[in-house]
Amino acid sequence: MNCFIKGYNKKHRKDKNQICVALAANEDNIPFIHETYPGNVHDSEEFSRIVEKIINRLTELNICSENLVLF
């Protein structure tokens, strides 16, 4: 999959290829999951997909996700 795709970023630059990164970290700011996705995918679309991956990763690490807070 080619992630470098022309997109429309927050600086209104649609002429540049871009790549997006989703990163989740714990309360100590230590990352426990990351994912790259194409530059033309809106953040809100990826956010809905990554939440399940975060919960799955926490389960793999034997961490309870009941009190999960996303911000």
Protein backbone atom coordinates (compact mmCIF):
# COMPACT_ATOMS: atom_id res chain seq x y z
CA MET A 1 0.00 0.00 0.00
CA ASN A 2 1.34 3.41 -0.94
CA CYS A 3 0.77 5.76 1.99
CA PHE A 4 2.28 8.83 0.31
CA ILE A 5 -0.80 10.29 -1.36
CA LYS A 6 -1.88 13.83 -2.04
CA GLY A 7 -4.29 14.86 0.67
CA TYR A 8 -5.77 18.00 2.17
CA ASN A 9 -4.05 18.85 5.41
CA LYS A 10 -4.76 21.42 8.11
CA LYS A 11 -2.43 23.92 6.43
CA HIS A 12 -4.54 23.67 3.26
CA ARG A 13 -1.66 22.16 1.29
CA LYS A 14 -3.26 19.76 -1.16
CA ASP A 15 -0.30 19.87 -3.55
CA LYS A 16 2.03 17.81 -1.32
CA ASN A 17 2.20 14.08 -0.79
CA GLN A 18 1.57 13.24 2.82
CA ILE A 19 1.46 10.32 5.20
CA CYS A 20 -0.48 10.15 8.46
CA VAL A 21 0.51 8.47 11.70
CA ALA A 22 -1.73 7.31 14.54
CA LEU A 23 0.06 6.85 17.86
CA ALA A 24 -1.26 5.72 21.25
CA ALA A 25 0.76 6.09 24.44
CA ASN A 26 0.19 5.23 28.07
CA GLU A 27 0.02 7.70 30.96
CA ASP A 28 3.85 7.73 31.06
CA ASN A 29 3.91 8.78 27.39
CA ILE A 30 5.32 5.43 26.30
CA PRO A 31 3.89 4.41 22.92
CA PHE A 32 2.21 1.01 22.80
CA ILE A 33 0.71 1.09 19.29
CA HIS A 34 1.25 3.04 16.09
CA GLU A 35 -0.03 2.86 12.56
CA THR A 36 0.61 4.74 9.34
CA TYR A 37 -2.17 5.39 6.89
CA PRO A 38 -2.59 7.20 3.56
CA GLY A 39 -2.50 10.96 3.49
CA ASN A 40 -5.93 11.23 1.92
CA VAL A 41 -7.73 9.49 4.83
CA HIS A 42 -9.51 11.89 7.20
CA ASP A 43 -8.46 11.71 10.85
CA SER A 44 -11.99 10.92 12.01
CA GLU A 45 -12.14 7.85 9.73
CA GLU A 46 -8.88 6.49 11.08
CA PHE A 47 -9.81 7.27 14.69
CA SER A 48 -12.84 5.00 14.53
CA ARG A 49 -10.68 2.18 13.12
CA ILE A 50 -7.78 2.57 15.53
CA VAL A 51 -9.91 2.42 18.70
CA GLU A 52 -10.55 -1.30 18.25
CA LYS A 53 -6.86 -1.88 17.55
CA ILE A 54 -5.98 -0.03 20.76
CA ILE A 55 -8.36 -2.21 22.78
CA ASN A 56 -6.95 -5.36 21.17
CA ARG A 57 -3.39 -4.25 21.92
CA LEU A 58 -4.25 -3.51 25.55
CA THR A 59 -5.80 -6.98 25.81
CA GLU A 60 -2.59 -8.51 24.42
CA LEU A 61 -0.66 -6.64 27.12
CA ASN A 62 -3.10 -7.84 29.82
CA ILE A 63 -4.21 -4.28 30.53
CA CYS A 64 -7.85 -3.60 31.37
CA SER A 65 -9.45 -1.25 28.84
CA GLU A 66 -12.61 -0.53 30.87
CA ASN A 67 -11.32 2.84 32.07
CA LEU A 68 -9.74 3.79 28.76
CA VAL A 69 -9.66 7.54 28.16
CA LEU A 70 -8.91 8.87 24.68
CA PHE A 71 -7.97 12.49 24.03
